[in-house]
Protein backbone atom coordinates (compact mmCIF):
# COMPACT_ATOMS: atom_id res chain seq x y z
CA MET A 1 17.91 -26.49 -66.70
CA GLN A 2 18.18 -30.29 -66.63
CA SER A 3 16.64 -31.56 -69.79
CA ASN A 4 16.32 -35.26 -69.23
CA LEU A 5 15.13 -35.42 -65.62
CA CYS A 6 12.36 -37.78 -66.52
CA SER A 7 14.60 -40.64 -65.82
CA SER A 8 14.54 -39.96 -62.17
CA THR A 9 10.68 -39.65 -61.89
CA CYS A 10 9.51 -42.19 -64.53
CA PHE A 11 9.27 -45.88 -64.06
CA GLY A 12 9.13 -49.05 -66.25
CA PHE A 13 6.48 -51.66 -65.27
CA TYR A 14 6.22 -55.24 -66.25
CA PHE A 15 3.16 -57.59 -66.23
CA SER A 16 3.28 -60.23 -63.49
CA ALA A 17 0.88 -62.71 -62.23
CA SER A 18 1.57 -61.73 -58.65
CA MET A 19 1.17 -57.96 -59.32
CA SER A 20 -0.45 -56.27 -56.28
CA SER A 21 -3.34 -53.75 -56.50
CA SER A 22 -1.05 -50.90 -56.03
CA ASP A 23 1.24 -52.09 -58.77
CA GLU A 24 -1.81 -52.55 -61.10
CA ALA A 25 -2.89 -48.96 -60.24
CA ALA A 26 0.60 -47.62 -61.00
CA LEU A 27 0.65 -49.56 -64.23
CA ILE A 28 -2.65 -47.97 -65.18
CA MET A 29 -1.47 -44.58 -64.40
CA TRP A 30 1.74 -45.12 -66.35
CA HIS A 31 -0.27 -46.08 -69.44
CA VAL A 32 -2.44 -43.13 -68.92
CA GLN A 33 0.37 -40.76 -68.71
CA ILE A 34 2.08 -42.33 -71.86
CA ILE A 35 -1.17 -41.93 -73.83
CA TYR A 36 -1.56 -38.30 -72.62
CA VAL A 37 1.93 -37.26 -73.59
CA ILE A 38 1.78 -39.02 -76.96
CA ALA A 39 -1.58 -37.19 -77.64
CA LEU A 40 0.21 -33.87 -76.61
CA ILE A 41 3.00 -34.61 -79.06
CA ILE A 42 0.59 -35.28 -82.02
CA LEU A 43 -1.37 -32.14 -81.09
CA ALA A 44 1.73 -30.05 -80.78
CA PHE A 45 3.09 -31.10 -84.06
CA VAL A 46 -0.15 -30.76 -86.07
CA GLY A 47 -1.15 -27.46 -84.39
CA ASN A 48 2.18 -25.59 -84.61
CA ILE A 49 2.91 -26.94 -88.23
CA LEU A 50 -0.51 -25.80 -89.19
CA ILE A 51 -0.08 -22.34 -87.71
CA PHE A 52 3.31 -21.81 -89.19
CA ILE A 53 2.34 -22.88 -92.69
CA THR A 54 -0.87 -20.88 -92.61
CA ILE A 55 0.94 -17.72 -91.65
CA CYS A 56 3.80 -18.33 -94.30
CA SER A 57 1.45 -19.25 -97.08
CA ILE A 58 -1.21 -16.59 -96.78
CA LYS A 59 0.21 -13.09 -97.52
CA ARG A 60 -2.38 -11.12 -95.68
CA LEU A 61 -1.43 -12.93 -92.41
CA GLN A 62 2.24 -11.98 -92.63
CA THR A 63 1.85 -9.03 -90.24
CA VAL A 64 4.33 -8.18 -87.54
CA ASP A 65 2.39 -9.82 -84.78
CA ASN A 66 1.82 -13.03 -86.74
CA MET A 67 5.60 -13.26 -87.77
CA PHE A 68 6.29 -13.46 -84.03
CA ILE A 69 3.40 -15.95 -83.55
CA ALA A 70 5.12 -18.06 -86.21
CA ASN A 71 8.33 -17.93 -84.30
CA LEU A 72 6.54 -19.03 -81.15
CA ALA A 73 5.19 -21.90 -83.20
CA VAL A 74 8.74 -22.86 -84.25
CA SER A 75 9.97 -22.84 -80.68
CA ASP A 76 6.97 -24.91 -79.40
CA PHE A 77 7.61 -27.37 -82.27
CA LEU A 78 11.21 -27.77 -81.48
CA PHE A 79 10.62 -28.13 -77.80
CA THR A 80 8.09 -31.01 -78.55
CA LEU A 81 10.27 -32.58 -81.18
CA ILE A 82 13.61 -32.59 -78.94
CA GLU A 83 12.51 -32.51 -75.32
CA THR A 84 9.06 -34.09 -74.98
CA SER A 85 9.75 -36.84 -77.66
CA SER A 86 13.07 -37.88 -76.20
CA ASN A 87 11.80 -38.12 -72.66
CA THR A 88 8.84 -40.02 -73.84
CA THR A 89 11.12 -42.41 -75.66
CA ARG A 90 13.23 -42.82 -72.57
CA GLU A 91 10.15 -43.39 -70.44
CA LEU A 92 8.89 -46.20 -72.89
CA ASN A 93 12.27 -47.64 -72.96
CA ALA A 94 14.59 -46.94 -69.91
CA ALA A 95 17.69 -48.39 -71.78
CA TRP A 96 17.38 -45.93 -74.65
CA ARG A 97 20.17 -43.43 -75.17
CA PRO A 98 20.58 -40.88 -77.85
CA PRO A 99 22.33 -42.29 -80.96
CA HIS A 100 25.36 -39.81 -80.71
CA GLU A 101 27.04 -37.66 -77.94
CA PHE A 102 26.04 -34.61 -80.02
CA ALA A 103 22.40 -35.51 -79.61
CA CYS A 104 22.78 -35.49 -75.77
CA TYR A 105 24.05 -31.94 -76.05
CA VAL A 106 21.14 -30.82 -78.17
CA ILE A 107 18.49 -32.48 -75.85
CA MET A 108 20.22 -31.00 -72.74
CA ALA A 109 20.18 -27.54 -74.20
CA ALA A 110 16.61 -27.75 -75.80
CA SER A 111 14.58 -26.78 -72.69
CA VAL A 112 16.46 -23.58 -72.02
CA LEU A 113 16.74 -22.79 -75.81
CA CYS A 114 13.12 -23.10 -76.53
CA ALA A 115 11.92 -21.48 -73.30
CA SER A 116 14.24 -18.56 -73.83
CA ALA A 117 13.20 -18.13 -77.45
CA SER A 118 9.49 -18.16 -76.47
CA VAL A 119 9.71 -15.67 -73.65
CA LEU A 120 12.06 -13.33 -75.51
CA THR A 121 9.54 -13.56 -78.52
CA GLN A 122 6.63 -12.63 -76.17
CA THR A 123 8.77 -9.80 -74.82
CA ALA A 124 9.38 -8.37 -78.27
CA VAL A 125 5.60 -8.80 -79.21
CA ALA A 126 4.71 -6.86 -76.08
CA ILE A 127 6.94 -4.01 -77.11
CA ASN A 128 5.58 -4.07 -80.46
CA ARG A 129 2.00 -3.92 -79.16
CA TYR A 130 3.02 -0.94 -77.01
CA ILE A 131 4.46 0.91 -79.88
CA ALA A 132 1.51 0.23 -82.04
CA ILE A 133 -1.10 1.63 -79.52
CA THR A 134 0.99 4.55 -78.20
CA ARG A 135 2.56 5.64 -81.55
CA PRO A 136 0.11 4.62 -84.33
CA LEU A 137 1.24 7.29 -86.62
CA GLN A 138 4.97 6.63 -86.37
CA TYR A 139 4.46 2.80 -86.14
CA PRO A 140 4.89 1.93 -89.82
CA ASN A 141 8.21 3.85 -89.96
CA LEU A 142 9.38 2.35 -86.58
CA VAL A 143 8.51 -1.27 -87.28
CA ASN A 144 8.87 -3.20 -90.53
CA LYS A 145 9.36 -6.71 -91.60
CA MET A 146 13.11 -6.51 -91.94
CA ARG A 147 13.53 -5.23 -88.41
CA VAL A 148 11.35 -8.03 -87.20
CA PHE A 149 13.53 -10.66 -89.09
CA VAL A 150 16.53 -9.07 -87.29
CA THR A 151 14.79 -9.18 -84.04
CA ILE A 152 13.85 -12.87 -84.42
CA ILE A 153 17.47 -13.62 -85.33
CA ALA A 154 18.69 -11.82 -82.26
CA ILE A 155 16.13 -13.76 -80.15
CA TRP A 156 17.54 -17.13 -81.17
CA ILE A 157 21.10 -15.98 -80.72
CA GLY A 158 20.16 -14.77 -77.19
CA ALA A 159 18.46 -18.16 -76.47
CA VAL A 160 21.50 -20.07 -77.72
CA VAL A 161 23.78 -17.88 -75.51
CA LEU A 162 21.66 -18.69 -72.58
CA ALA A 163 21.36 -22.39 -73.34
CA LEU A 164 25.16 -23.12 -74.05
CA PRO A 165 26.90 -22.40 -70.68
CA PRO A 166 26.07 -25.51 -68.72
CA LEU A 167 27.35 -27.62 -71.67
CA ILE A 168 30.83 -26.24 -71.00
CA TRP A 169 31.25 -27.53 -67.34
CA ARG A 170 28.83 -30.39 -66.91
CA PRO A 171 30.48 -33.88 -67.57
CA LEU A 172 29.30 -35.99 -70.42
CA ALA A 173 27.74 -38.54 -68.00
CA VAL A 174 25.34 -35.81 -66.65
CA ILE A 175 24.62 -34.35 -70.13
CA CYS A 176 23.66 -37.77 -71.51
CA GLY A 177 21.52 -38.62 -68.39
CA HIS A 178 23.77 -41.35 -66.80
CA GLU A 179 24.16 -39.20 -63.68
CA GLU A 180 22.25 -36.49 -61.99
CA SER A 181 24.67 -34.92 -59.71
CA TYR A 182 25.47 -31.28 -59.82
CA LYS A 183 27.77 -31.03 -56.66
CA LYS A 184 31.04 -30.94 -58.70
CA HIS A 185 30.38 -27.45 -60.06
CA ILE A 186 27.75 -26.20 -57.53
CA THR A 187 29.01 -22.62 -57.82
CA TYR A 188 28.51 -22.66 -61.62
CA GLU A 189 25.15 -24.36 -61.22
CA ILE A 190 23.83 -21.83 -58.72
CA ALA A 191 25.01 -18.86 -60.88
CA TYR A 192 23.44 -20.38 -63.90
CA MET A 193 20.13 -21.06 -62.26
CA THR A 194 20.13 -17.55 -60.99
CA ALA A 195 20.65 -16.23 -64.54
CA GLU A 196 17.78 -18.47 -65.81
CA TRP A 197 15.50 -17.02 -63.24
CA LEU A 198 16.54 -13.53 -64.15
CA PHE A 199 16.50 -13.75 -68.02
CA ILE A 200 13.51 -16.21 -68.43
CA PHE A 201 11.15 -14.90 -65.79
CA GLY A 202 12.46 -11.82 -63.88
CA ILE A 203 13.43 -9.37 -66.71
CA PRO A 204 10.96 -10.50 -69.48
CA PHE A 205 7.88 -10.64 -67.21
CA GLY A 206 8.85 -7.44 -65.48
CA ILE A 207 8.89 -5.68 -68.92
CA MET A 208 5.69 -7.43 -70.13
CA SER A 209 3.94 -6.52 -66.72
CA VAL A 210 4.65 -2.78 -67.11
CA ILE A 211 3.79 -2.77 -70.83
CA TYR A 212 0.43 -4.56 -70.41
CA TYR A 213 -0.39 -2.27 -67.43
CA GLN A 214 0.28 0.70 -69.49
CA ILE A 215 -1.87 -0.65 -72.22
CA TYR A 216 -4.62 -1.36 -69.85
CA ARG A 217 -4.57 2.12 -68.59
CA ILE A 218 -4.67 3.52 -72.13
CA ALA A 219 -7.69 1.22 -72.83
CA ARG A 220 -9.54 2.51 -69.92
CA THR A 221 -8.86 6.15 -70.85
CA GLN A 222 -10.05 5.43 -74.40
CA ALA A 223 -13.19 3.65 -73.14
CA ASN A 224 -13.98 6.70 -70.98
CA ARG A 225 -13.63 9.15 -73.99
CA VAL A 226 -15.96 7.01 -76.22
CA ARG A 227 -18.65 6.50 -73.81
CA PRO A 228 -22.17 7.69 -74.97
CA GLY A 229 -22.69 11.22 -73.55
CA ALA A 230 -19.09 11.44 -72.26
CA SER A 231 -18.52 14.49 -74.46
CA GLU A 232 -21.01 17.28 -75.38
CA GLU A 233 -18.60 18.15 -78.36
CA SER A 234 -19.22 14.90 -80.12
CA ALA A 235 -22.66 16.15 -81.35
CA SER A 236 -21.00 19.21 -83.09
CA THR A 237 -18.14 17.32 -84.81
CA SER A 238 -18.17 17.17 -88.66
CA GLY A 239 -18.80 14.00 -90.56
CA SER A 240 -15.06 13.52 -91.52
CA ASP A 241 -14.00 14.04 -87.96
CA THR A 242 -16.55 11.48 -86.81
CA ASN A 243 -15.60 8.98 -89.34
CA SER A 244 -11.89 9.58 -88.43
CA ARG A 245 -12.71 9.02 -84.76
CA LYS A 246 -14.71 5.77 -85.53
CA ASN A 247 -11.63 4.48 -87.47
CA ASN A 248 -9.29 5.25 -84.55
CA ILE A 249 -11.64 3.57 -82.13
CA SER A 250 -11.88 0.53 -84.44
CA ASN A 251 -8.06 0.38 -84.84
CA PHE A 252 -7.50 0.66 -81.12
CA LYS A 253 -10.11 -2.12 -80.31
CA ARG A 254 -8.13 -4.29 -82.74
CA GLU A 255 -4.86 -3.59 -81.20
CA PHE A 256 -6.29 -4.12 -77.69
CA LYS A 257 -7.70 -7.43 -78.69
CA ALA A 258 -4.27 -8.51 -80.05
CA ALA A 259 -2.82 -7.43 -76.79
CA LYS A 260 -5.20 -9.63 -74.87
CA MET A 261 -4.19 -12.65 -76.93
CA LEU A 262 -0.62 -11.89 -76.02
CA VAL A 263 -1.44 -11.55 -72.36
CA THR A 264 -3.12 -14.92 -72.50
CA ILE A 265 -0.03 -16.49 -74.22
CA ALA A 266 2.24 -14.92 -71.60
CA GLY A 267 -0.03 -16.17 -68.78
CA ALA A 268 -0.06 -19.58 -70.09
CA PHE A 269 3.68 -19.57 -70.26
CA LEU A 270 4.13 -18.35 -66.73
CA PHE A 271 1.60 -20.81 -65.44
CA SER A 272 3.31 -23.70 -67.28
CA TRP A 273 6.96 -22.91 -66.59
CA PHE A 274 7.10 -21.34 -63.18
CA PRO A 275 6.11 -24.46 -61.24
CA PHE A 276 8.60 -26.54 -63.21
CA PHE A 277 11.39 -24.07 -62.59
CA LEU A 278 10.60 -23.88 -58.93
CA THR A 279 10.63 -27.72 -58.48
CA LEU A 280 13.65 -28.02 -60.59
CA THR A 281 15.47 -25.53 -58.34
CA LEU A 282 14.51 -27.22 -55.21
CA TRP A 283 15.47 -30.69 -56.76
CA LYS A 284 18.98 -29.59 -57.88
CA PHE A 285 19.84 -27.79 -54.84
CA HIS A 286 17.61 -29.63 -52.40
CA CYS A 287 17.16 -26.50 -50.24
CA GLY A 288 15.90 -28.56 -47.29
CA VAL A 289 12.78 -29.48 -49.19
CA HIS A 290 11.77 -32.94 -50.32
CA ASN A 291 10.24 -33.11 -53.80
CA HIS A 292 7.90 -35.96 -54.48
CA PRO A 293 8.42 -37.53 -57.77
CA LYS A 294 4.76 -37.07 -58.64
CA VAL A 295 4.96 -33.35 -58.01
CA PHE A 296 7.89 -33.05 -60.41
CA THR A 297 6.20 -35.17 -63.17
CA THR A 298 3.10 -33.12 -62.92
CA CYS A 299 4.95 -29.97 -63.42
CA LEU A 300 6.88 -31.55 -66.27
CA TYR A 301 3.70 -32.69 -67.98
CA ILE A 302 2.13 -29.13 -67.58
CA VAL A 303 5.26 -27.78 -69.55
CA TYR A 304 4.67 -30.55 -72.15
CA THR A 305 0.99 -29.35 -72.48
CA LEU A 306 1.78 -25.77 -73.32
CA PRO A 307 3.04 -26.36 -77.05
CA ALA A 308 -0.23 -28.25 -77.66
CA ILE A 309 -2.61 -25.65 -76.45
CA ASN A 310 -0.79 -22.55 -77.78
CA PRO A 311 -2.08 -22.97 -81.38
CA ALA A 312 -5.61 -23.14 -79.94
CA ILE A 313 -4.96 -19.76 -78.21
CA TYR A 314 -3.85 -18.24 -81.39
CA ALA A 315 -6.97 -19.49 -83.22
CA PHE A 316 -9.39 -18.51 -80.45
CA TRP A 317 -8.06 -14.87 -80.20
CA SER A 318 -7.37 -14.19 -83.95
CA ARG A 319 -10.21 -14.44 -86.45
CA ASP A 320 -7.68 -13.98 -89.24
CA ILE A 321 -5.79 -16.92 -88.20
CA ARG A 322 -8.94 -19.11 -87.82
CA THR A 323 -10.07 -17.98 -91.25
CA GLY A 324 -6.67 -18.67 -92.71
CA ILE A 325 -6.58 -22.19 -91.26
CA LYS A 326 -10.03 -22.90 -92.75
CA GLN A 327 -8.87 -21.57 -96.06
CA LEU A 328 -5.70 -23.74 -96.03
CA LEU A 329 -7.65 -26.86 -94.88
CA THR A 330 -10.22 -26.30 -97.64
CA CYS A 331 -7.42 -25.91 -100.27
CA TRP A 332 -5.79 -29.06 -99.27
CA LYS A 333 -9.08 -30.96 -99.14
CA ARG A 334 -9.82 -29.70 -102.64
CA ASN A 335 -6.56 -30.67 -104.08
CA SER A 336 -6.46 -34.14 -102.41
């Protein structure tokens, strides 16, 4: 994935007494875009740091799902810090270049690194939800914090492996954004883009689609079983059986609500990244299609928006996270 494509679609504007109405409109739009992206950067920084600190500092929030949520917050924070911030700096100052060649490599790899870490984390969470719902009794033995830590480390190793290959064959001029030509190693670029489509979209979303469909089927079956009057045997059950049944229903509802949050996160990722990947593929290999710069810029800004709205998704679906954030902010306010 080309990380610093903003240079090909962003423009610098200068005030002039002879500026036409179209130039003035373009200048206004440019300022609106800059303000929007800066607002996104601030929201993403504040939101993801707050989510991460809340989960790490409040022990009751350190569940398996929330550990993965914290990892998502880390990937979103890094994406905003490296990718969004560098491209915004370049847009504000077209002459800006990273201070060292190593920074060029980091910026180039940031998009794939963070996108891969995010989608692999979401896949791991989907598998975790499936185990929790289908094997509730065996779940505590199958999933523990140590295994989650190992999984998160494996996720980042996989993300690094997926992000590194183009840094091997791309010349420094392309990596640092001086050039945007990929014709020299076109075979490698096609193979790499195919791998990106496969490992960032095809396999993860195939797995998640199957898992969430199975969870949906289980939820429908469970709903049919607990409908009033669905079973005549419910009237003759003992008090302990009734309480046990109510606890199972309550646990299932909690697990299903968690699954709905994860579906929302996965849907937001797909909505944000798929158009960008598609336009990027068409731009890199042309494919007989002309990409208007505004189309690419719009897709890029949608990707920038995702890290800013993900914390709101976590807080909206999880009452525990909302309560934890309020508790943390109250504590900070009291100590200040």
